[in-house]
C-alpha atoms as a PDB file:
ATOM      1  CA  MET A   1     -10.969  -3.630 -60.815  1.00  0.00           C
ATOM      2  CA  ARG A   2      -8.841  -6.730 -60.385  1.00  0.00           C
ATOM      3  CA  LEU A   3      -6.772  -4.929 -57.728  1.00  0.00           C
ATOM      4  CA  SER A   4      -9.822  -4.062 -55.600  1.00  0.00           C
ATOM      5  CA  PHE A   5     -11.009  -7.699 -55.646  1.00  0.00           C
ATOM      6  CA  ARG A   6      -7.555  -8.784 -54.541  1.00  0.00           C
ATOM      7  CA  CYS A   7      -7.610  -6.253 -51.652  1.00  0.00           C
ATOM      8  CA  ALA A   8     -11.066  -7.417 -50.625  1.00  0.00           C
ATOM      9  CA  GLY A   9      -9.835 -11.006 -50.672  1.00  0.00           C
ATOM     10  CA  LEU A  10      -6.979 -10.079 -48.308  1.00  0.00           C
ATOM     11  CA  LEU A  11      -9.078  -7.830 -46.111  1.00  0.00           C
ATOM     12  CA  ARG A  12     -11.695 -10.430 -45.170  1.00  0.00           C
ATOM     13  CA  PRO A  13      -9.275 -12.973 -43.594  1.00  0.00           C
ATOM     14  CA  ALA A  14      -7.431 -10.154 -41.800  1.00  0.00           C
ATOM     15  CA  LEU A  15     -10.678  -8.884 -40.285  1.00  0.00           C
ATOM     16  CA  VAL A  16     -11.734 -12.404 -39.272  1.00  0.00           C
ATOM     17  CA  ILE A  17      -8.381 -13.001 -37.553  1.00  0.00           C
ATOM     18  CA  PHE A  18      -8.558  -9.574 -35.878  1.00  0.00           C
ATOM     19  CA  VAL A  19     -12.053 -10.223 -34.482  1.00  0.00           C
ATOM     20  CA  ALA A  20     -11.176 -13.762 -33.383  1.00  0.00           C
ATOM     21  CA  LEU A  21      -7.976 -12.731 -31.612  1.00  0.00           C
ATOM     22  CA  SER A  22      -9.727  -9.733 -30.022  1.00  0.00           C
ATOM     23  CA  ALA A  23     -12.423 -12.014 -28.646  1.00  0.00           C
ATOM     24  CA  LEU A  24      -9.854 -14.543 -27.444  1.00  0.00           C
ATOM     25  CA  THR A  25      -7.357 -12.146 -25.835  1.00  0.00           C
ATOM     26  CA  GLY A  26      -9.776  -9.348 -24.910  1.00  0.00           C
ATOM     27  CA  LEU A  27     -12.692 -11.371 -23.555  1.00  0.00           C
ATOM     28  CA  ALA A  28     -12.145 -15.116 -23.175  1.00  0.00           C
ATOM     29  CA  TYR A  29      -8.667 -15.004 -21.603  1.00  0.00           C
ATOM     30  CA  PRO A  30      -9.400 -12.214 -19.054  1.00  0.00           C
ATOM     31  CA  TYR A  31     -12.669 -13.857 -17.998  1.00  0.00           C
ATOM     32  CA  ALA A  32     -10.986 -17.247 -17.646  1.00  0.00           C
ATOM     33  CA  VAL A  33      -8.079 -15.871 -15.588  1.00  0.00           C
ATOM     34  CA  THR A  34     -10.419 -13.797 -13.398  1.00  0.00           C
ATOM     35  CA  GLY A  35     -12.691 -16.799 -12.822  1.00  0.00           C
ATOM     36  CA  LEU A  36      -9.740 -19.016 -11.939  1.00  0.00           C
ATOM     37  CA  ALA A  37      -8.354 -16.377  -9.557  1.00  0.00           C
ATOM     38  CA  ARG A  38     -11.722 -15.929  -7.838  1.00  0.00           C
ATOM     39  CA  TRP A  39     -11.983 -19.678  -7.383  1.00  0.00           C
ATOM     40  CA  ALA A  40      -8.399 -20.283  -6.197  1.00  0.00           C
ATOM     41  CA  PHE A  41      -7.706 -17.000  -4.348  1.00  0.00           C
ATOM     42  CA  PRO A  42     -11.057 -15.310  -3.600  1.00  0.00           C
ATOM     43  CA  HIS A  43      -9.719 -12.810  -1.033  1.00  0.00           C
ATOM     44  CA  GLN A  44      -6.813 -11.639  -3.197  1.00  0.00           C
ATOM     45  CA  ALA A  45      -8.883 -11.556  -6.412  1.00  0.00           C
ATOM     46  CA  ALA A  46     -11.369  -9.226  -4.699  1.00  0.00           C
ATOM     47  CA  GLY A  47      -8.603  -6.717  -3.866  1.00  0.00           C
ATOM     48  CA  SER A  48      -7.509  -8.068  -0.448  1.00  0.00           C
ATOM     49  CA  LEU A  49     -10.192  -5.903   1.138  1.00  0.00           C
ATOM     50  CA  VAL A  50     -10.363  -5.556   4.920  1.00  0.00           C
ATOM     51  CA  GLU A  51     -13.808  -5.489   6.523  1.00  0.00           C
ATOM     52  CA  ARG A  52     -14.768  -4.295   9.971  1.00  0.00           C
ATOM     53  CA  GLY A  53     -18.302  -4.376  11.285  1.00  0.00           C
ATOM     54  CA  GLY A  54     -19.635  -5.476   7.908  1.00  0.00           C
ATOM     55  CA  ARG A  55     -18.129  -2.604   5.927  1.00  0.00           C
ATOM     56  CA  VAL A  56     -14.906  -2.269   3.945  1.00  0.00           C
ATOM     57  CA  VAL A  57     -12.323  -0.116   5.748  1.00  0.00           C
ATOM     58  CA  GLY A  58      -9.417  -0.546   3.351  1.00  0.00           C
ATOM     59  CA  SER A  59      -7.174  -2.968   1.539  1.00  0.00           C
ATOM     60  CA  GLU A  60      -4.161  -4.917   2.744  1.00  0.00           C
ATOM     61  CA  LEU A  61      -2.343  -3.686  -0.377  1.00  0.00           C
ATOM     62  CA  ILE A  62      -2.893   0.092  -0.269  1.00  0.00           C
ATOM     63  CA  GLY A  63      -1.754   2.357   2.542  1.00  0.00           C
ATOM     64  CA  GLN A  64      -3.990   4.886   4.265  1.00  0.00           C
ATOM     65  CA  ALA A  65      -3.348   8.330   5.681  1.00  0.00           C
ATOM     66  CA  PHE A  66      -3.635   7.899   9.446  1.00  0.00           C
ATOM     67  CA  THR A  67      -3.174  11.401  10.839  1.00  0.00           C
ATOM     68  CA  SER A  68      -4.363  11.088  14.444  1.00  0.00           C
ATOM     69  CA  PRO A  69      -1.432  10.732  16.865  1.00  0.00           C
ATOM     70  CA  ARG A  70      -3.441   7.977  18.588  1.00  0.00           C
ATOM     71  CA  TYR A  71      -2.667   5.699  15.622  1.00  0.00           C
ATOM     72  CA  PHE A  72       0.461   4.295  14.052  1.00  0.00           C
ATOM     73  CA  TRP A  73       1.403   6.269  10.936  1.00  0.00           C
ATOM     74  CA  GLY A  74       2.470   4.687   7.668  1.00  0.00           C
ATOM     75  CA  ARG A  75       5.039   5.729   5.131  1.00  0.00           C
ATOM     76  CA  PRO A  76       4.548   9.147   3.596  1.00  0.00           C
ATOM     77  CA  SER A  77       2.855   9.112   0.205  1.00  0.00           C
ATOM     78  CA  ALA A  78       3.841  11.283  -2.753  1.00  0.00           C
ATOM     79  CA  THR A  79       0.941  10.344  -5.033  1.00  0.00           C
ATOM     80  CA  GLY A  80      -0.816  13.111  -6.915  1.00  0.00           C
ATOM     81  CA  GLN A  81      -4.143  14.575  -5.778  1.00  0.00           C
ATOM     82  CA  GLY A  82      -3.813  13.491  -2.167  1.00  0.00           C
ATOM     83  CA  PRO A  83      -1.926  10.768  -0.317  1.00  0.00           C
ATOM     84  CA  TYR A  84      -2.386   7.068  -1.133  1.00  0.00           C
ATOM     85  CA  ASN A  85      -4.292   7.826  -4.333  1.00  0.00           C
ATOM     86  CA  ALA A  86      -4.333   4.470  -6.126  1.00  0.00           C
ATOM     87  CA  LEU A  87      -5.317   6.176  -9.389  1.00  0.00           C
ATOM     88  CA  ALA A  88      -2.136   8.260  -9.332  1.00  0.00           C
ATOM     89  CA  SER A  89       0.419   5.781  -8.016  1.00  0.00           C
ATOM     90  CA  GLY A  90       3.995   6.981  -8.187  1.00  0.00           C
ATOM     91  CA  GLY A  91       6.843   8.543  -6.296  1.00  0.00           C
ATOM     92  CA  SER A  92       7.872  12.178  -6.192  1.00  0.00           C
ATOM     93  CA  ASN A  93      10.797  11.508  -8.575  1.00  0.00           C
ATOM     94  CA  LEU A  94      12.862  14.022  -6.599  1.00  0.00           C
ATOM     95  CA  GLY A  95      16.584  13.275  -6.649  1.00  0.00           C
ATOM     96  CA  PRO A  96      18.729  13.164  -3.494  1.00  0.00           C
ATOM     97  CA  ARG A  97      20.131  16.653  -4.194  1.00  0.00           C
ATOM     98  CA  ASN A  98      16.767  18.256  -4.845  1.00  0.00           C
ATOM     99  CA  PRO A  99      16.009  20.933  -2.214  1.00  0.00           C
ATOM    100  CA  ALA A 100      12.290  20.056  -2.332  1.00  0.00           C
ATOM    101  CA  LEU A 101      13.069  16.512  -1.155  1.00  0.00           C
ATOM    102  CA  ALA A 102      15.238  17.799   1.699  1.00  0.00           C
ATOM    103  CA  GLU A 103      12.469  20.205   2.726  1.00  0.00           C
ATOM    104  CA  ALA A 104       9.837  17.437   2.619  1.00  0.00           C
ATOM    105  CA  VAL A 105      12.001  15.200   4.832  1.00  0.00           C
ATOM    106  CA  ARG A 106      12.621  18.079   7.284  1.00  0.00           C
ATOM    107  CA  ALA A 107       8.868  18.724   7.501  1.00  0.00           C
ATOM    108  CA  ARG A 108       8.175  15.031   8.161  1.00  0.00           C
ATOM    109  CA  VAL A 109      10.844  14.900  10.858  1.00  0.00           C
ATOM    110  CA  ALA A 110       9.377  18.026  12.472  1.00  0.00           C
ATOM    111  CA  ALA A 111       5.870  16.499  12.430  1.00  0.00           C
ATOM    112  CA  LEU A 112       7.118  13.308  14.113  1.00  0.00           C
ATOM    113  CA  GLN A 113       9.005  15.298  16.758  1.00  0.00           C
ATOM    114  CA  ALA A 114       6.018  17.582  17.388  1.00  0.00           C
ATOM    115  CA  ALA A 115       3.738  14.567  17.880  1.00  0.00           C
ATOM    116  CA  ASP A 116       6.130  13.007  20.414  1.00  0.00           C
ATOM    117  CA  PRO A 117       8.568  15.654  21.767  1.00  0.00           C
ATOM    118  CA  GLY A 118      10.044  13.355  24.399  1.00  0.00           C
ATOM    119  CA  ASN A 119      11.113  10.674  21.907  1.00  0.00           C
ATOM    120  CA  ARG A 120      14.838  11.084  21.256  1.00  0.00           C
ATOM    121  CA  ALA A 121      15.296   7.801  19.375  1.00  0.00           C
ATOM    122  CA  PRO A 122      16.618   7.963  15.807  1.00  0.00           C
ATOM    123  CA  ILE A 123      13.754   8.269  13.321  1.00  0.00           C
ATOM    124  CA  PRO A 124      13.630   5.316  10.891  1.00  0.00           C
ATOM    125  CA  ALA A 125      14.029   6.349   7.246  1.00  0.00           C
ATOM    126  CA  ASP A 126      10.738   4.841   6.116  1.00  0.00           C
ATOM    127  CA  LEU A 127       8.801   7.307   8.305  1.00  0.00           C
ATOM    128  CA  VAL A 128      10.226  10.294   6.425  1.00  0.00           C
ATOM    129  CA  SER A 129      10.679   8.969   2.873  1.00  0.00           C
ATOM    130  CA  ALA A 130       7.898   8.046   0.468  1.00  0.00           C
ATOM    131  CA  SER A 131       7.928   4.711  -1.312  1.00  0.00           C
ATOM    132  CA  GLY A 132       8.265   4.425  -5.086  1.00  0.00           C
ATOM    133  CA  SER A 133       4.578   3.662  -5.540  1.00  0.00           C
ATOM    134  CA  GLY A 134       3.293   6.013  -2.852  1.00  0.00           C
ATOM    135  CA  LEU A 135       0.863   3.272  -1.819  1.00  0.00           C
ATOM    136  CA  ASP A 136       3.015   1.131   0.479  1.00  0.00           C
ATOM    137  CA  PRO A 137       0.790  -0.257   3.275  1.00  0.00           C
ATOM    138  CA  HIS A 138       3.784  -1.475   5.326  1.00  0.00           C
ATOM    139  CA  ILE A 139       6.408   0.022   7.572  1.00  0.00           C
ATOM    140  CA  SER A 140       9.446  -1.586   9.112  1.00  0.00           C
ATOM    141  CA  PRO A 141       9.205  -3.009  12.637  1.00  0.00           C
ATOM    142  CA  ALA A 142      11.659  -0.277  13.686  1.00  0.00           C
ATOM    143  CA  ALA A 143       9.268   2.402  12.381  1.00  0.00           C
ATOM    144  CA  ALA A 144       6.366   0.850  14.299  1.00  0.00           C
ATOM    145  CA  LEU A 145       8.423   0.520  17.496  1.00  0.00           C
ATOM    146  CA  TYR A 146       9.546   4.153  17.189  1.00  0.00           C
ATOM    147  CA  GLN A 147       5.889   5.206  17.450  1.00  0.00           C
ATOM    148  CA  VAL A 148       5.053   2.986  20.441  1.00  0.00           C
ATOM    149  CA  PRO A 149       5.771   5.624  23.153  1.00  0.00           C
ATOM    150  CA  ARG A 150       3.432   8.186  21.535  1.00  0.00           C
ATOM    151  CA  VAL A 151       0.585   5.757  20.898  1.00  0.00           C
ATOM    152  CA  ALA A 152       0.952   4.129  24.334  1.00  0.00           C
ATOM    153  CA  ARG A 153       0.820   7.522  26.081  1.00  0.00           C
ATOM    154  CA  LEU A 154      -2.226   8.726  24.152  1.00  0.00           C
ATOM    155  CA  ARG A 155      -4.091   5.419  24.461  1.00  0.00           C
ATOM    156  CA  GLY A 156      -3.215   4.881  28.110  1.00  0.00           C
ATOM    157  CA  LEU A 157      -1.645   1.485  27.409  1.00  0.00           C
ATOM    158  CA  PRO A 158       1.642   0.045  28.629  1.00  0.00           C
ATOM    159  CA  ALA A 159       4.374   0.290  26.003  1.00  0.00           C
ATOM    160  CA  SER A 160       5.156  -3.404  26.478  1.00  0.00           C
ATOM    161  CA  GLN A 161       1.625  -4.302  25.341  1.00  0.00           C
ATOM    162  CA  LEU A 162       2.027  -2.259  22.172  1.00  0.00           C
ATOM    163  CA  GLU A 163       5.462  -3.731  21.490  1.00  0.00           C
ATOM    164  CA  GLN A 164       3.892  -7.166  21.710  1.00  0.00           C
ATOM    165  CA  LEU A 165       1.137  -6.022  19.320  1.00  0.00           C
ATOM    166  CA  VAL A 166       3.770  -4.845  16.835  1.00  0.00           C
ATOM    167  CA  ARG A 167       5.609  -8.176  17.058  1.00  0.00           C
ATOM    168  CA  ALA A 168       2.324 -10.061  16.552  1.00  0.00           C
ATOM    169  CA  HIS A 169       1.638  -8.082  13.357  1.00  0.00           C
ATOM    170  CA  THR A 170       5.134  -8.336  11.901  1.00  0.00           C
ATOM    171  CA  SER A 171       5.225 -10.413   8.714  1.00  0.00           C
ATOM    172  CA  ARG A 172       8.417 -12.384   8.237  1.00  0.00           C
ATOM    173  CA  PRO A 173      10.251 -12.777   4.910  1.00  0.00           C
ATOM    174  CA  VAL A 174       8.892 -15.436   2.558  1.00  0.00           C
ATOM    175  CA  LEU A 175      10.840 -18.681   3.098  1.00  0.00           C
ATOM    176  CA  GLY A 176      12.911 -16.762   5.612  1.00  0.00           C
ATOM    177  CA  VAL A 177      14.969 -14.993   2.913  1.00  0.00           C
ATOM    178  CA  LEU A 178      12.722 -13.186   0.409  1.00  0.00           C
ATOM    179  CA  GLY A 179      12.033  -9.630   1.531  1.00  0.00           C
ATOM    180  CA  GLU A 180      12.265  -7.867   4.861  1.00  0.00           C
ATOM    181  CA  PRO A 181      10.110  -8.076   7.995  1.00  0.00           C
ATOM    182  CA  VAL A 182       7.233  -5.585   7.654  1.00  0.00           C
ATOM    183  CA  VAL A 183       4.189  -4.413   9.612  1.00  0.00           C
ATOM    184  CA  ASN A 184       0.876  -3.739   7.864  1.00  0.00           C
ATOM    185  CA  VAL A 185      -0.237  -0.400   9.323  1.00  0.00           C
ATOM    186  CA  LEU A 186      -3.972  -0.926   8.742  1.00  0.00           C
ATOM    187  CA  ALA A 187      -3.951  -4.353  10.422  1.00  0.00           C
ATOM    188  CA  LEU A 188      -1.922  -2.964  13.323  1.00  0.00           C
ATOM    189  CA  ASN A 189      -4.296  -0.014  13.833  1.00  0.00           C
ATOM    190  CA  LEU A 190      -7.361  -2.250  13.689  1.00  0.00           C
ATOM    191  CA  ALA A 191      -5.783  -4.477  16.345  1.00  0.00           C
ATOM    192  CA  LEU A 192      -4.975  -1.339  18.351  1.00  0.00           C
ATOM    193  CA  ASP A 193      -8.641  -0.289  18.274  1.00  0.00           C
ATOM    194  CA  ARG A 194      -9.639  -3.735  19.547  1.00  0.00           C
ATOM    195  CA  ALA A 195      -7.074  -3.526  22.364  1.00  0.00           C
ATOM    196  CA  ALA A 196      -7.965   0.049  23.368  1.00  0.00           C
ATOM    197  CA  PRO A 197     -11.066   1.502  21.745  1.00  0.00           C
ATOM    198  CA  ARG A 198     -10.852   5.146  20.813  1.00  0.00           C
END
């Protein structure tokens, strides 16, 4: 009998601490951080969504599967249940000696060559290899420039105009040293539609 009273005496403070810490770390802290983020960085806190004509067409942070040859293509995606699936982010986890990886790269090279048979330039690696997350919304400037002849031909635009568009949408490294120059494919394709409507 004495033992059960002692357990009850220990259980009550433990439960009070559990409930208090759950409320603090599970409710108060997340709401406070979310509120602060929405006040200080409203665009980023809302998912960095991109709107066009009053409707959301994507996010600056998640790639999209552009398949029409009239658009710039992004990095391949190896996410499960379809490309660029944010609920299944991840790479293929195929090693460099895995035959499935070699076959996937060969198929991507063949698709690029079939879309633009006259382009004999070396294909940049990021157009045939998936990123670790499978959601990368960026490509290298070299990958964008590689696609200029195809897009220019199909859109009826001078290649020099598209090269200028690529340069205008190239983000430079932070502070000039952190990261690499990259091109956001969604932003580039939206600018392409403004320059030469479909």
